Amino acid sequence: MKLLIPIENSGVQYWRTRTPLWELEKKGLVETRYFEARQFTVTEVSEGLKWCDAVLFRGCADTSGLDLLRKYQSLGKPCIVDQDDFTFDV
């Protein structure tokens, strides 16, 4: 599976996203392509979307994140969200 992943370079992202994916890559189970979530080019993201099978988000806790998720879905890309806290219960 080819995963496109917006990253934020946080400790949570490192441990919950990058570390497990490195192990899956070693086993040949996934291919990954990352882009900086706050600093990216349109070309970088559009090429990534053409390449990937799915988009993997680490957290999606506000309305802007939900809007972005819906945009990716509207392009026909499945989206995977790793939500480590019950943000919506607060």
Protein backbone atom coordinates (compact mmCIF):
# COMPACT_ATOMS: atom_id res chain seq x y z
CA MET A 1 0.00 0.00 0.00
CA LYS A 2 1.26 3.47 -0.89
CA LEU A 3 0.59 6.06 1.83
CA LEU A 4 0.78 9.83 1.53
CA ILE A 5 1.35 11.39 4.94
CA PRO A 6 1.24 15.05 6.00
CA ILE A 7 3.73 15.44 8.86
CA GLU A 8 4.28 17.97 11.64
CA ASN A 9 7.59 16.71 13.05
CA SER A 10 6.29 16.19 16.57
CA GLY A 11 7.17 13.55 19.12
CA VAL A 12 3.71 12.05 18.82
CA GLN A 13 4.04 11.85 15.04
CA TYR A 14 7.46 10.20 15.39
CA TRP A 15 6.31 7.46 17.77
CA ARG A 16 2.77 6.85 16.50
CA THR A 17 3.34 7.24 12.75
CA ARG A 18 6.92 7.13 11.58
CA THR A 19 8.30 4.38 13.80
CA PRO A 20 5.59 1.78 12.98
CA LEU A 21 5.70 2.66 9.29
CA TRP A 22 9.48 2.19 9.15
CA GLU A 23 8.94 -1.38 10.36
CA LEU A 24 6.22 -1.99 7.77
CA GLU A 25 8.48 -0.55 5.06
CA LYS A 26 11.30 -2.92 6.08
CA LYS A 27 8.89 -5.81 5.52
CA GLY A 28 7.80 -4.44 2.15
CA LEU A 29 4.21 -3.94 3.27
CA VAL A 30 3.95 -0.19 2.65
CA GLU A 31 5.60 2.60 0.71
CA THR A 32 5.43 6.09 2.18
CA ARG A 33 5.74 9.62 0.93
CA TYR A 34 5.71 12.52 3.40
CA PHE A 35 5.08 16.23 3.02
CA GLU A 36 5.32 19.02 5.57
CA ALA A 37 1.76 19.76 6.69
CA ARG A 38 2.30 23.51 7.04
CA GLN A 39 4.81 24.13 4.24
CA PHE A 40 4.18 22.29 1.00
CA THR A 41 3.76 22.98 -2.69
CA VAL A 42 0.61 22.25 -4.65
CA THR A 43 2.71 20.17 -7.04
CA GLU A 44 4.11 18.10 -4.17
CA VAL A 45 0.64 17.24 -2.88
CA SER A 46 -0.99 16.69 -6.30
CA GLU A 47 1.81 14.32 -7.38
CA GLY A 48 1.54 12.54 -4.04
CA LEU A 49 -2.21 12.11 -4.44
CA LYS A 50 -1.76 10.61 -7.91
CA TRP A 51 0.85 8.21 -6.52
CA CYS A 52 -0.80 7.05 -3.28
CA ASP A 53 -3.47 4.47 -2.47
CA ALA A 54 -4.54 6.32 0.71
CA VAL A 55 -3.78 9.37 2.84
CA LEU A 56 -2.75 8.80 6.47
CA PHE A 57 -3.46 11.56 9.01
CA ARG A 58 -2.03 11.59 12.53
CA GLY A 59 -4.88 13.30 14.30
CA CYS A 60 -7.68 15.36 12.87
CA ALA A 61 -8.94 17.36 15.81
CA ASP A 62 -10.46 20.55 14.46
CA THR A 63 -12.73 21.81 11.70
CA SER A 64 -9.86 22.73 9.37
CA GLY A 65 -8.53 19.17 9.68
CA LEU A 66 -11.99 17.78 8.93
CA ASP A 67 -12.31 20.07 5.90
CA LEU A 68 -8.97 18.83 4.58
CA LEU A 69 -10.01 15.22 5.19
CA ARG A 70 -13.22 15.77 3.20
CA LYS A 71 -11.28 17.34 0.31
CA TYR A 72 -9.01 14.31 0.03
CA GLN A 73 -12.01 12.01 0.19
CA SER A 74 -13.78 14.00 -2.54
CA LEU A 75 -10.80 13.20 -4.80
CA GLY A 76 -11.55 9.52 -4.32
CA LYS A 77 -8.71 8.78 -1.91
CA PRO A 78 -9.39 6.68 1.17
CA CYS A 79 -8.22 8.42 4.33
CA ILE A 80 -6.88 6.78 7.47
CA VAL A 81 -6.94 8.81 10.70
CA ASP A 82 -4.90 7.87 13.76
CA GLN A 83 -6.63 9.68 16.60
CA ASP A 84 -4.83 8.93 19.87
CA ASP A 85 -7.07 10.94 22.19
CA PHE A 86 -10.81 11.25 22.58
CA THR A 87 -10.73 14.88 21.43
CA PHE A 88 -14.39 14.90 20.56
CA ASP A 89 -15.42 13.86 24.09
CA VAL A 90 -13.97 17.00 25.70
